[in-house]
Amino acid sequence: MSLKRQLKAILKNWVFRLTITVVIIMALATILPEKVKKMENNSVETKEHVFLLILIMTGPKNSDRRQAMRETWLQNTNEDVKHYFVIGTNGLTSEIHNELSNEQKLYQDLLLFGQFEDGYAKLTEKLGLMLEWAHEIMKFKFMLKVDDDTFVRLDRILDDLKNDVDKYQPQYLYWGYFYGRSHVKQSGPWKEVNWKLCDYYLPYARGGGYVLSYNIVQYIAKNWRLFEQYLSEDVTLGAWVAPLKLTRLHDIRFDTEYKTRGCKNSFIVCHKQSIRDMKEKHRSLKETGNLCEKETNIFYGYNYNWSVPPSKCCLRSQSIP
């Protein structure tokens, strides 16, 4: 009898513990999904929300250019806009590290990648890293990518994006100055050894300045490490998004070719600008409302003809500045 009582006591205790365990598991099954959901919501809420995110490719030593941009067109930013200068800091001297640290303390607008070594041959990797960062850290509707020798009419960019919804707010927007008949470089510093697609680069917006909608940035951020990388970051971007059902918007107001086409008051993005050029344009806008003190034309532009093969896309016209 003593043995039976002991067995009953053990069995009763085991059943009690099993019941408690089941109750706990059921409770956790109810609580944990809600907790995970709250954590996910909190992570989204911690992202900084802006309408337009501006990412500026710059070199570690180009502090004078960054300052010129801060003192000119970046003065026109507001709560809808956030800008960052993107720099790789791996391999820099302690002196340059200290200079960047002081600059960051002063302006809080540097995006520093400590594991990335900056250089012209790595601009595509830099593009992938900064779009990946933008997707993970920021919440935005559009992203404007420019170089540190680009001058932008932010007022015009924002006005177009906000007020012409049908034209500028499709789900996948790729807006810039496109080119489709550029031969693949076979020699020189931009020689492409990885390009195997065709004898021309796929149509791409020139890298001095272009706008991407959030959905395109998200797509690239999630997949760029799987894609082939080419020397030119703008060429690479065109290849990465080539299969997407997107809106490619060619805009003759973007002066972003291999050299400036001159100065026209209609321009909204101007590449290949010296520090002096930026300051003169900024002064002219403040004093006269016009971008140019005097309009000039170095060579003509073109409208992109999407109805013909890319090799015939871009015929220059005297009617296009």
C-alpha atoms as a PDB file:
ATOM      1  CA  MET A   1       0.000   0.000   0.000  1.00  0.00           C
ATOM      2  CA  SER A   2       2.814   2.364   0.766  1.00  0.00           C
ATOM      3  CA  LEU A   3       4.245   1.804  -2.736  1.00  0.00           C
ATOM      4  CA  LYS A   4       0.835   2.452  -4.354  1.00  0.00           C
ATOM      5  CA  ARG A   5       0.450   5.714  -2.468  1.00  0.00           C
ATOM      6  CA  GLN A   6       3.915   6.800  -3.585  1.00  0.00           C
ATOM      7  CA  LEU A   7       3.118   5.966  -7.216  1.00  0.00           C
ATOM      8  CA  LYS A   8      -0.189   7.867  -7.048  1.00  0.00           C
ATOM      9  CA  ALA A   9       1.569  10.879  -5.532  1.00  0.00           C
ATOM     10  CA  ILE A  10       4.242  10.849  -8.245  1.00  0.00           C
ATOM     11  CA  LEU A  11       1.637  10.485 -10.997  1.00  0.00           C
ATOM     12  CA  LYS A  12      -0.505  13.255  -9.543  1.00  0.00           C
ATOM     13  CA  ASN A  13       2.510  15.564  -9.288  1.00  0.00           C
ATOM     14  CA  TRP A  14       3.551  14.767 -12.887  1.00  0.00           C
ATOM     15  CA  VAL A  15       0.049  15.457 -14.228  1.00  0.00           C
ATOM     16  CA  PHE A  16      -0.046  18.763 -12.324  1.00  0.00           C
ATOM     17  CA  ARG A  17       3.310  19.839 -13.762  1.00  0.00           C
ATOM     18  CA  LEU A  18       2.265  18.820 -17.283  1.00  0.00           C
ATOM     19  CA  THR A  19      -0.959  20.818 -16.937  1.00  0.00           C
ATOM     20  CA  ILE A  20       0.932  23.894 -15.776  1.00  0.00           C
ATOM     21  CA  THR A  21       3.382  23.541 -18.677  1.00  0.00           C
ATOM     22  CA  VAL A  22       0.558  23.326 -21.234  1.00  0.00           C
ATOM     23  CA  VAL A  23      -1.125  26.390 -19.740  1.00  0.00           C
ATOM     24  CA  ILE A  24       2.135  28.367 -19.912  1.00  0.00           C
ATOM     25  CA  ILE A  25       2.741  27.333 -23.528  1.00  0.00           C
ATOM     26  CA  MET A  26      -0.787  28.357 -24.506  1.00  0.00           C
ATOM     27  CA  ALA A  27      -0.357  31.698 -22.776  1.00  0.00           C
ATOM     28  CA  LEU A  28       2.931  32.335 -24.530  1.00  0.00           C
ATOM     29  CA  ALA A  29       1.392  31.408 -27.874  1.00  0.00           C
ATOM     30  CA  THR A  30      -1.126  34.179 -27.306  1.00  0.00           C
ATOM     31  CA  ILE A  31       1.268  36.802 -25.934  1.00  0.00           C
ATOM     32  CA  LEU A  32       4.393  36.402 -28.073  1.00  0.00           C
ATOM     33  CA  PRO A  33       2.914  37.222 -31.500  1.00  0.00           C
ATOM     34  CA  GLU A  34       1.485  40.429 -30.077  1.00  0.00           C
ATOM     35  CA  LYS A  35       4.852  41.266 -28.498  1.00  0.00           C
ATOM     36  CA  VAL A  36       6.694  40.569 -31.756  1.00  0.00           C
ATOM     37  CA  LYS A  37       4.173  42.708 -33.610  1.00  0.00           C
ATOM     38  CA  LYS A  38       4.766  45.571 -31.172  1.00  0.00           C
ATOM     39  CA  MET A  39       8.538  45.228 -31.584  1.00  0.00           C
ATOM     40  CA  GLU A  40       8.191  45.374 -35.366  1.00  0.00           C
ATOM     41  CA  ASN A  41       5.992  48.439 -35.128  1.00  0.00           C
ATOM     42  CA  ASN A  42       8.462  50.101 -32.789  1.00  0.00           C
ATOM     43  CA  SER A  43      11.329  49.451 -35.211  1.00  0.00           C
ATOM     44  CA  VAL A  44       9.364  51.114 -37.987  1.00  0.00           C
ATOM     45  CA  GLU A  45       8.439  54.030 -35.764  1.00  0.00           C
ATOM     46  CA  THR A  46      12.093  54.693 -34.943  1.00  0.00           C
ATOM     47  CA  LYS A  47      12.839  55.402 -38.612  1.00  0.00           C
ATOM     48  CA  GLU A  48      13.114  59.060 -39.476  1.00  0.00           C
ATOM     49  CA  HIS A  49      10.373  60.084 -41.908  1.00  0.00           C
ATOM     50  CA  VAL A  50      11.099  62.545 -44.718  1.00  0.00           C
ATOM     51  CA  PHE A  51       9.568  63.243 -48.102  1.00  0.00           C
ATOM     52  CA  LEU A  52      12.888  63.555 -49.975  1.00  0.00           C
ATOM     53  CA  LEU A  53      16.151  61.922 -48.886  1.00  0.00           C
ATOM     54  CA  ILE A  54      19.278  63.358 -50.523  1.00  0.00           C
ATOM     55  CA  LEU A  55      22.385  61.163 -50.625  1.00  0.00           C
ATOM     56  CA  ILE A  56      25.539  62.917 -51.833  1.00  0.00           C
ATOM     57  CA  MET A  57      28.564  60.898 -52.959  1.00  0.00           C
ATOM     58  CA  THR A  58      31.696  62.674 -51.764  1.00  0.00           C
ATOM     59  CA  GLY A  59      35.334  61.903 -51.085  1.00  0.00           C
ATOM     60  CA  PRO A  60      36.898  62.011 -47.601  1.00  0.00           C
ATOM     61  CA  LYS A  61      39.071  65.016 -48.480  1.00  0.00           C
ATOM     62  CA  ASN A  62      36.345  67.069 -50.222  1.00  0.00           C
ATOM     63  CA  SER A  63      35.334  69.145 -47.209  1.00  0.00           C
ATOM     64  CA  ASP A  64      35.474  72.360 -49.256  1.00  0.00           C
ATOM     65  CA  ARG A  65      32.887  71.012 -51.687  1.00  0.00           C
ATOM     66  CA  ARG A  66      30.633  69.833 -48.896  1.00  0.00           C
ATOM     67  CA  GLN A  67      30.833  73.234 -47.266  1.00  0.00           C
ATOM     68  CA  ALA A  68      30.016  74.970 -50.549  1.00  0.00           C
ATOM     69  CA  MET A  69      26.873  72.846 -50.869  1.00  0.00           C
ATOM     70  CA  ARG A  70      25.822  73.591 -47.276  1.00  0.00           C
ATOM     71  CA  GLU A  71      26.266  77.306 -47.888  1.00  0.00           C
ATOM     72  CA  THR A  72      24.337  77.309 -51.176  1.00  0.00           C
ATOM     73  CA  TRP A  73      21.511  75.038 -52.329  1.00  0.00           C
ATOM     74  CA  LEU A  74      21.338  72.889 -49.178  1.00  0.00           C
ATOM     75  CA  GLN A  75      20.226  76.009 -47.296  1.00  0.00           C
ATOM     76  CA  ASN A  76      16.846  75.490 -48.961  1.00  0.00           C
ATOM     77  CA  THR A  77      16.083  72.258 -47.104  1.00  0.00           C
ATOM     78  CA  ASN A  78      13.129  72.026 -44.706  1.00  0.00           C
ATOM     79  CA  GLU A  79      11.408  69.384 -42.590  1.00  0.00           C
ATOM     80  CA  ASP A  80      10.482  67.480 -45.759  1.00  0.00           C
ATOM     81  CA  VAL A  81      14.133  67.023 -46.750  1.00  0.00           C
ATOM     82  CA  LYS A  82      17.135  65.306 -45.185  1.00  0.00           C
ATOM     83  CA  HIS A  83      20.616  65.146 -46.690  1.00  0.00           C
ATOM     84  CA  TYR A  84      23.714  63.068 -45.997  1.00  0.00           C
ATOM     85  CA  PHE A  85      27.221  63.135 -47.450  1.00  0.00           C
ATOM     86  CA  VAL A  86      28.323  59.527 -47.968  1.00  0.00           C
ATOM     87  CA  ILE A  87      31.964  58.658 -47.215  1.00  0.00           C
ATOM     88  CA  GLY A  88      33.972  55.455 -46.754  1.00  0.00           C
ATOM     89  CA  THR A  89      36.480  55.791 -43.906  1.00  0.00           C
ATOM     90  CA  ASN A  90      38.391  52.510 -44.008  1.00  0.00           C
ATOM     91  CA  GLY A  91      42.110  53.033 -44.591  1.00  0.00           C
ATOM     92  CA  LEU A  92      42.124  56.769 -43.870  1.00  0.00           C
ATOM     93  CA  THR A  93      44.895  58.437 -41.899  1.00  0.00           C
ATOM     94  CA  SER A  94      44.223  59.465 -38.313  1.00  0.00           C
ATOM     95  CA  GLU A  95      44.422  63.102 -39.404  1.00  0.00           C
ATOM     96  CA  ILE A  96      41.579  62.724 -41.917  1.00  0.00           C
ATOM     97  CA  HIS A  97      39.583  60.666 -39.392  1.00  0.00           C
ATOM     98  CA  ASN A  98      39.880  63.533 -36.916  1.00  0.00           C
ATOM     99  CA  GLU A  99      38.849  66.090 -39.515  1.00  0.00           C
ATOM    100  CA  LEU A 100      35.761  64.069 -40.418  1.00  0.00           C
ATOM    101  CA  SER A 101      34.941  63.578 -36.747  1.00  0.00           C
ATOM    102  CA  ASN A 102      35.053  67.329 -36.148  1.00  0.00           C
ATOM    103  CA  GLU A 103      32.960  67.963 -39.257  1.00  0.00           C
ATOM    104  CA  GLN A 104      30.382  65.419 -38.081  1.00  0.00           C
ATOM    105  CA  LYS A 105      30.171  67.027 -34.631  1.00  0.00           C
ATOM    106  CA  LEU A 106      29.536  70.384 -36.267  1.00  0.00           C
ATOM    107  CA  TYR A 107      26.987  69.422 -38.926  1.00  0.00           C
ATOM    108  CA  GLN A 108      25.692  65.898 -38.177  1.00  0.00           C
ATOM    109  CA  ASP A 109      25.222  65.240 -41.892  1.00  0.00           C
ATOM    110  CA  LEU A 110      27.935  62.681 -42.700  1.00  0.00           C
ATOM    111  CA  LEU A 111      27.090  59.068 -43.441  1.00  0.00           C
ATOM    112  CA  LEU A 112      30.324  57.231 -42.634  1.00  0.00           C
ATOM    113  CA  PHE A 113      30.962  53.614 -43.645  1.00  0.00           C
ATOM    114  CA  GLY A 114      33.827  52.391 -41.469  1.00  0.00           C
ATOM    115  CA  GLN A 115      34.348  49.078 -43.298  1.00  0.00           C
ATOM    116  CA  PHE A 116      34.339  50.634 -46.770  1.00  0.00           C
ATOM    117  CA  GLU A 117      37.432  52.077 -48.435  1.00  0.00           C
ATOM    118  CA  ASP A 118      36.442  54.982 -50.677  1.00  0.00           C
ATOM    119  CA  GLY A 119      37.664  55.215 -54.268  1.00  0.00           C
ATOM    120  CA  TYR A 120      36.474  55.725 -57.846  1.00  0.00           C
ATOM    121  CA  ALA A 121      36.730  52.003 -58.599  1.00  0.00           C
ATOM    122  CA  LYS A 122      34.295  51.249 -55.768  1.00  0.00           C
ATOM    123  CA  LEU A 123      31.481  53.709 -56.485  1.00  0.00           C
ATOM    124  CA  THR A 124      29.045  50.926 -57.358  1.00  0.00           C
ATOM    125  CA  GLU A 125      29.636  49.194 -54.031  1.00  0.00           C
ATOM    126  CA  LYS A 126      29.216  52.566 -52.343  1.00  0.00           C
ATOM    127  CA  LEU A 127      25.870  53.030 -54.107  1.00  0.00           C
ATOM    128  CA  GLY A 128      24.669  49.629 -52.925  1.00  0.00           C
ATOM    129  CA  LEU A 129      25.741  50.303 -49.334  1.00  0.00           C
ATOM    130  CA  MET A 130      24.074  53.696 -49.131  1.00  0.00           C
ATOM    131  CA  LEU A 131      20.783  52.479 -50.631  1.00  0.00           C
ATOM    132  CA  GLU A 132      20.838  49.528 -48.226  1.00  0.00           C
ATOM    133  CA  TRP A 133      21.368  51.945 -45.333  1.00  0.00           C
ATOM    134  CA  ALA A 134      18.605  54.244 -46.576  1.00  0.00           C
ATOM    135  CA  HIS A 135      16.115  51.376 -46.688  1.00  0.00           C
ATOM    136  CA  GLU A 136      17.042  50.088 -43.234  1.00  0.00           C
ATOM    137  CA  ILE A 137      17.307  53.410 -41.376  1.00  0.00           C
ATOM    138  CA  MET A 138      15.120  55.955 -43.152  1.00  0.00           C
ATOM    139  CA  LYS A 139      11.513  56.192 -44.272  1.00  0.00           C
ATOM    140  CA  PHE A 140      11.050  58.362 -47.343  1.00  0.00           C
ATOM    141  CA  LYS A 141       9.016  58.738 -50.515  1.00  0.00           C
ATOM    142  CA  PHE A 142      11.817  59.730 -52.901  1.00  0.00           C
ATOM    143  CA  MET A 143      15.600  59.677 -52.920  1.00  0.00           C
ATOM    144  CA  LEU A 144      17.794  62.122 -54.837  1.00  0.00           C
ATOM    145  CA  LYS A 145      21.335  60.923 -55.529  1.00  0.00           C
ATOM    146  CA  VAL A 146      23.898  63.556 -56.516  1.00  0.00           C
ATOM    147  CA  ASP A 147      27.665  64.084 -56.496  1.00  0.00           C
ATOM    148  CA  ASP A 148      29.522  66.744 -54.542  1.00  0.00           C
ATOM    149  CA  ASP A 149      29.912  68.859 -57.694  1.00  0.00           C
ATOM    150  CA  THR A 150      26.156  69.081 -58.318  1.00  0.00           C
ATOM    151  CA  PHE A 151      23.910  72.120 -57.802  1.00  0.00           C
ATOM    152  CA  VAL A 152      20.176  71.477 -57.321  1.00  0.00           C
ATOM    153  CA  ARG A 153      17.075  73.647 -57.490  1.00  0.00           C
ATOM    154  CA  LEU A 154      15.422  71.946 -54.528  1.00  0.00           C
ATOM    155  CA  ASP A 155      12.379  74.186 -54.734  1.00  0.00           C
ATOM    156  CA  ARG A 156      11.667  72.997 -58.279  1.00  0.00           C
ATOM    157  CA  ILE A 157      12.315  69.328 -57.464  1.00  0.00           C
ATOM    158  CA  LEU A 158       9.954  69.408 -54.486  1.00  0.00           C
ATOM    159  CA  ASP A 159       7.315  71.368 -56.362  1.00  0.00           C
ATOM    160  CA  ASP A 160       7.263  68.819 -59.187  1.00  0.00           C
ATOM    161  CA  LEU A 161       7.227  65.784 -56.903  1.00  0.00           C
ATOM    162  CA  LYS A 162       4.440  67.131 -54.714  1.00  0.00           C
ATOM    163  CA  ASN A 163       2.176  68.903 -57.182  1.00  0.00           C
ATOM    164  CA  ASP A 164       2.313  66.876 -60.412  1.00  0.00           C
ATOM    165  CA  VAL A 165       1.267  63.567 -58.930  1.00  0.00           C
ATOM    166  CA  ASP A 166       0.319  61.851 -62.192  1.00  0.00           C
ATOM    167  CA  LYS A 167       3.731  62.522 -63.715  1.00  0.00           C
ATOM    168  CA  TYR A 168       6.083  62.188 -60.777  1.00  0.00           C
ATOM    169  CA  GLN A 169       4.439  59.762 -58.381  1.00  0.00           C
ATOM    170  CA  PRO A 170       4.101  56.403 -60.107  1.00  0.00           C
ATOM    171  CA  GLN A 171       4.990  53.442 -57.903  1.00  0.00           C
ATOM    172  CA  TYR A 172       8.401  53.027 -59.553  1.00  0.00           C
ATOM    173  CA  LEU A 173       9.934  56.358 -60.676  1.00  0.00           C
ATOM    174  CA  TYR A 174      13.408  56.668 -62.225  1.00  0.00           C
ATOM    175  CA  TRP A 175      13.872  60.360 -63.091  1.00  0.00           C
ATOM    176  CA  GLY A 176      16.938  61.950 -64.648  1.00  0.00           C
ATOM    177  CA  TYR A 177      18.785  62.548 -67.921  1.00  0.00           C
ATOM    178  CA  PHE A 178      18.977  59.219 -69.755  1.00  0.00           C
ATOM    179  CA  TYR A 179      21.421  57.837 -72.273  1.00  0.00           C
ATOM    180  CA  GLY A 180      21.147  54.623 -74.258  1.00  0.00           C
ATOM    181  CA  ARG A 181      23.860  54.606 -76.907  1.00  0.00           C
ATOM    182  CA  SER A 182      27.004  54.573 -74.819  1.00  0.00           C
ATOM    183  CA  HIS A 183      29.515  51.985 -76.017  1.00  0.00           C
ATOM    184  CA  VAL A 184      30.940  49.672 -73.380  1.00  0.00           C
ATOM    185  CA  LYS A 185      34.392  50.949 -72.399  1.00  0.00           C
ATOM    186  CA  GLN A 186      37.117  48.609 -73.683  1.00  0.00           C
ATOM    187  CA  SER A 187      40.130  50.494 -72.332  1.00  0.00           C
ATOM    188  CA  GLY A 188      41.202  53.222 -69.927  1.00  0.00           C
ATOM    189  CA  PRO A 189      40.285  53.689 -66.255  1.00  0.00           C
ATOM    190  CA  TRP A 190      36.611  52.841 -66.909  1.00  0.00           C
ATOM    191  CA  LYS A 191      37.300  49.602 -68.815  1.00  0.00           C
ATOM    192  CA  GLU A 192      34.532  47.108 -68.089  1.00  0.00           C
ATOM    193  CA  VAL A 193      35.709  43.511 -67.664  1.00  0.00           C
ATOM    194  CA  ASN A 194      32.433  42.152 -66.231  1.00  0.00           C
ATOM    195  CA  TRP A 195      29.972  43.483 -68.837  1.00  0.00           C
ATOM    196  CA  LYS A 196      28.723  40.545 -70.958  1.00  0.00           C
ATOM    197  CA  LEU A 197      25.268  41.779 -71.988  1.00  0.00           C
ATOM    198  CA  CYS A 198      25.751  43.636 -75.285  1.00  0.00           C
ATOM    199  CA  ASP A 199      28.007  46.174 -77.009  1.00  0.00           C
ATOM    200  CA  TYR A 200      26.052  49.126 -75.554  1.00  0.00           C
ATOM    201  CA  TYR A 201      25.251  49.922 -71.946  1.00  0.00           C
ATOM    202  CA  LEU A 202      21.576  49.550 -71.095  1.00  0.00           C
ATOM    203  CA  PRO A 203      19.681  52.875 -70.834  1.00  0.00           C
ATOM    204  CA  TYR A 204      20.602  54.674 -67.618  1.00  0.00           C
ATOM    205  CA  ALA A 205      20.154  58.074 -65.984  1.00  0.00           C
ATOM    206  CA  ARG A 206      23.455  59.914 -65.828  1.00  0.00           C
ATOM    207  CA  GLY A 207      24.984  59.832 -62.367  1.00  0.00           C
ATOM    208  CA  GLY A 208      25.346  63.547 -61.641  1.00  0.00           C
ATOM    209  CA  GLY A 209      21.791  63.543 -60.336  1.00  0.00           C
ATOM    210  CA  TYR A 210      18.728  61.301 -60.470  1.00  0.00           C
ATOM    211  CA  VAL A 211      15.620  60.609 -58.424  1.00  0.00           C
ATOM    212  CA  LEU A 212      14.350  57.171 -57.356  1.00  0.00           C
ATOM    213  CA  SER A 213      11.064  56.327 -55.698  1.00  0.00           C
ATOM    214  CA  TYR A 214      11.195  54.396 -52.436  1.00  0.00           C
ATOM    215  CA  ASN A 215      10.103  51.113 -54.050  1.00  0.00           C
ATOM    216  CA  ILE A 216      13.110  51.090 -56.366  1.00  0.00           C
ATOM    217  CA  VAL A 217      15.478  51.802 -53.463  1.00  0.00           C
ATOM    218  CA  GLN A 218      13.861  48.975 -51.514  1.00  0.00           C
ATOM    219  CA  TYR A 219      14.294  46.562 -54.429  1.00  0.00           C
ATOM    220  CA  ILE A 220      17.983  47.432 -54.844  1.00  0.00           C
ATOM    221  CA  ALA A 221      18.677  47.388 -51.095  1.00  0.00           C
ATOM    222  CA  LYS A 222      17.366  43.833 -50.823  1.00  0.00           C
ATOM    223  CA  ASN A 223      19.054  42.436 -53.928  1.00  0.00           C
ATOM    224  CA  TRP A 224      22.161  44.395 -54.937  1.00  0.00           C
ATOM    225  CA  ARG A 225      24.602  41.950 -53.349  1.00  0.00           C
ATOM    226  CA  LEU A 226      23.324  39.282 -55.765  1.00  0.00           C
ATOM    227  CA  PHE A 227      23.809  41.468 -58.851  1.00  0.00           C
ATOM    228  CA  GLU A 228      26.830  41.969 -61.074  1.00  0.00           C
ATOM    229  CA  GLN A 229      28.691  45.211 -60.353  1.00  0.00           C
ATOM    230  CA  TYR A 230      30.239  47.421 -63.012  1.00  0.00           C
ATOM    231  CA  LEU A 231      32.706  50.289 -62.675  1.00  0.00           C
ATOM    232  CA  SER A 232      30.247  53.116 -63.380  1.00  0.00           C
ATOM    233  CA  GLU A 233      27.600  53.356 -60.666  1.00  0.00           C
ATOM    234  CA  ASP A 234      25.057  55.043 -62.957  1.00  0.00           C
ATOM    235  CA  VAL A 235      25.499  52.366 -65.643  1.00  0.00           C
ATOM    236  CA  THR A 236      25.168  49.692 -62.964  1.00  0.00           C
ATOM    237  CA  LEU A 237      21.954  51.174 -61.612  1.00  0.00           C
ATOM    238  CA  GLY A 238      20.458  51.169 -65.112  1.00  0.00           C
ATOM    239  CA  ALA A 239      21.301  47.483 -65.468  1.00  0.00           C
ATOM    240  CA  TRP A 240      19.999  46.581 -61.994  1.00  0.00           C
ATOM    241  CA  VAL A 241      16.551  48.076 -62.633  1.00  0.00           C
ATOM    242  CA  ALA A 242      16.322  47.156 -66.342  1.00  0.00           C
ATOM    243  CA  PRO A 243      13.775  44.312 -65.822  1.00  0.00           C
ATOM    244  CA  LEU A 244      11.444  46.371 -63.610  1.00  0.00           C
ATOM    245  CA  LYS A 245       8.130  47.799 -64.741  1.00  0.00           C
ATOM    246  CA  LEU A 246       9.100  51.359 -63.924  1.00  0.00           C
ATOM    247  CA  THR A 247       8.618  54.875 -65.268  1.00  0.00           C
ATOM    248  CA  ARG A 248      11.798  56.222 -66.855  1.00  0.00           C
ATOM    249  CA  LEU A 249      11.394  59.986 -66.993  1.00  0.00           C
ATOM    250  CA  HIS A 250      13.938  61.811 -69.156  1.00  0.00           C
ATOM    251  CA  ASP A 251      14.159  65.496 -68.226  1.00  0.00           C
ATOM    252  CA  ILE A 252      16.110  68.039 -70.289  1.00  0.00           C
ATOM    253  CA  ARG A 253      16.257  70.277 -67.199  1.00  0.00           C
ATOM    254  CA  PHE A 254      18.905  67.900 -65.807  1.00  0.00           C
ATOM    255  CA  ASP A 255      22.346  69.096 -66.928  1.00  0.00           C
ATOM    256  CA  THR A 256      24.182  65.919 -65.948  1.00  0.00           C
ATOM    257  CA  GLU A 257      26.276  64.869 -68.939  1.00  0.00           C
ATOM    258  CA  TYR A 258      30.045  64.266 -68.997  1.00  0.00           C
ATOM    259  CA  LYS A 259      30.457  68.052 -68.920  1.00  0.00           C
ATOM    260  CA  THR A 260      28.041  70.913 -68.358  1.00  0.00           C
ATOM    261  CA  ARG A 261      25.929  72.029 -71.320  1.00  0.00           C
ATOM    262  CA  GLY A 262      26.163  75.606 -70.052  1.00  0.00           C
ATOM    263  CA  CYS A 263      23.728  77.537 -67.886  1.00  0.00           C
ATOM    264  CA  LYS A 264      19.996  77.867 -68.526  1.00  0.00           C
ATOM    265  CA  ASN A 265      17.459  79.270 -66.089  1.00  0.00           C
ATOM    266  CA  SER A 266      15.301  76.217 -66.737  1.00  0.00           C
ATOM    267  CA  PHE A 267      17.914  73.799 -65.351  1.00  0.00           C
ATOM    268  CA  ILE A 268      17.043  72.150 -62.029  1.00  0.00           C
ATOM    269  CA  VAL A 269      20.048  69.807 -61.613  1.00  0.00           C
ATOM    270  CA  CYS A 270      23.504  71.009 -62.707  1.00  0.00           C
ATOM    271  CA  HIS A 271      26.493  68.663 -62.604  1.00  0.00           C
ATOM    272  CA  LYS A 272      30.205  69.413 -63.081  1.00  0.00           C
ATOM    273  CA  GLN A 273      29.979  72.615 -61.023  1.00  0.00           C
ATOM    274  CA  SER A 274      32.968  74.239 -59.395  1.00  0.00           C
ATOM    275  CA  ILE A 275      32.668  75.803 -55.943  1.00  0.00           C
ATOM    276  CA  ARG A 276      32.627  79.180 -57.664  1.00  0.00           C
ATOM    277  CA  ASP A 277      29.821  78.024 -60.002  1.00  0.00           C
ATOM    278  CA  MET A 278      27.707  76.966 -57.017  1.00  0.00           C
ATOM    279  CA  LYS A 279      28.194  80.255 -55.224  1.00  0.00           C
ATOM    280  CA  GLU A 280      27.413  82.287 -58.344  1.00  0.00           C
ATOM    281  CA  LYS A 281      24.204  80.347 -59.006  1.00  0.00           C
ATOM    282  CA  HIS A 282      23.140  80.712 -55.383  1.00  0.00           C
ATOM    283  CA  ARG A 283      23.827  84.443 -55.408  1.00  0.00           C
ATOM    284  CA  SER A 284      21.970  84.906 -58.711  1.00  0.00           C
ATOM    285  CA  LEU A 285      18.917  83.062 -57.377  1.00  0.00           C
ATOM    286  CA  LYS A 286      18.824  85.206 -54.247  1.00  0.00           C
ATOM    287  CA  GLU A 287      19.316  88.506 -56.068  1.00  0.00           C
ATOM    288  CA  THR A 288      17.370  87.986 -59.313  1.00  0.00           C
ATOM    289  CA  GLY A 289      15.367  84.784 -58.968  1.00  0.00           C
ATOM    290  CA  ASN A 290      17.212  83.382 -61.989  1.00  0.00           C
ATOM    291  CA  LEU A 291      19.721  80.550 -61.879  1.00  0.00           C
ATOM    292  CA  CYS A 292      22.118  82.166 -64.342  1.00  0.00           C
ATOM    293  CA  GLU A 293      23.673  85.595 -64.255  1.00  0.00           C
ATOM    294  CA  LYS A 294      23.859  85.131 -68.029  1.00  0.00           C
ATOM    295  CA  GLU A 295      22.504  82.136 -69.947  1.00  0.00           C
ATOM    296  CA  THR A 296      25.128  80.252 -71.948  1.00  0.00           C
ATOM    297  CA  ASN A 297      25.146  77.210 -74.227  1.00  0.00           C
ATOM    298  CA  ILE A 298      28.232  75.008 -74.724  1.00  0.00           C
ATOM    299  CA  PHE A 299      26.516  72.210 -76.658  1.00  0.00           C
ATOM    300  CA  TYR A 300      22.946  71.094 -77.309  1.00  0.00           C
ATOM    301  CA  GLY A 301      20.912  68.539 -75.412  1.00  0.00           C
ATOM    302  CA  TYR A 302      18.467  65.906 -76.589  1.00  0.00           C
ATOM    303  CA  ASN A 303      15.096  64.370 -75.869  1.00  0.00           C
ATOM    304  CA  TYR A 304      15.217  60.619 -75.358  1.00  0.00           C
ATOM    305  CA  ASN A 305      13.231  58.776 -78.022  1.00  0.00           C
ATOM    306  CA  TRP A 306      11.858  55.658 -76.326  1.00  0.00           C
ATOM    307  CA  SER A 307      10.193  54.424 -79.539  1.00  0.00           C
ATOM    308  CA  VAL A 308      13.463  53.554 -81.314  1.00  0.00           C
ATOM    309  CA  PRO A 309      16.361  51.229 -80.428  1.00  0.00           C
ATOM    310  CA  PRO A 310      18.599  52.683 -77.673  1.00  0.00           C
ATOM    311  CA  SER A 311      21.455  53.162 -80.154  1.00  0.00           C
ATOM    312  CA  LYS A 312      19.278  55.769 -81.909  1.00  0.00           C
ATOM    313  CA  CYS A 313      17.758  57.276 -78.770  1.00  0.00           C
ATOM    314  CA  CYS A 314      19.519  60.551 -78.335  1.00  0.00           C
ATOM    315  CA  LEU A 315      19.809  62.947 -81.253  1.00  0.00           C
ATOM    316  CA  ARG A 316      20.916  66.426 -80.245  1.00  0.00           C
ATOM    317  CA  SER A 317      18.766  69.358 -81.291  1.00  0.00           C
ATOM    318  CA  GLN A 318      19.356  73.106 -81.420  1.00  0.00           C
ATOM    319  CA  SER A 319      15.972  73.554 -79.764  1.00  0.00           C
ATOM    320  CA  ILE A 320      17.146  71.797 -76.600  1.00  0.00           C
ATOM    321  CA  PRO A 321      19.646  73.626 -74.373  1.00  0.00           C
END
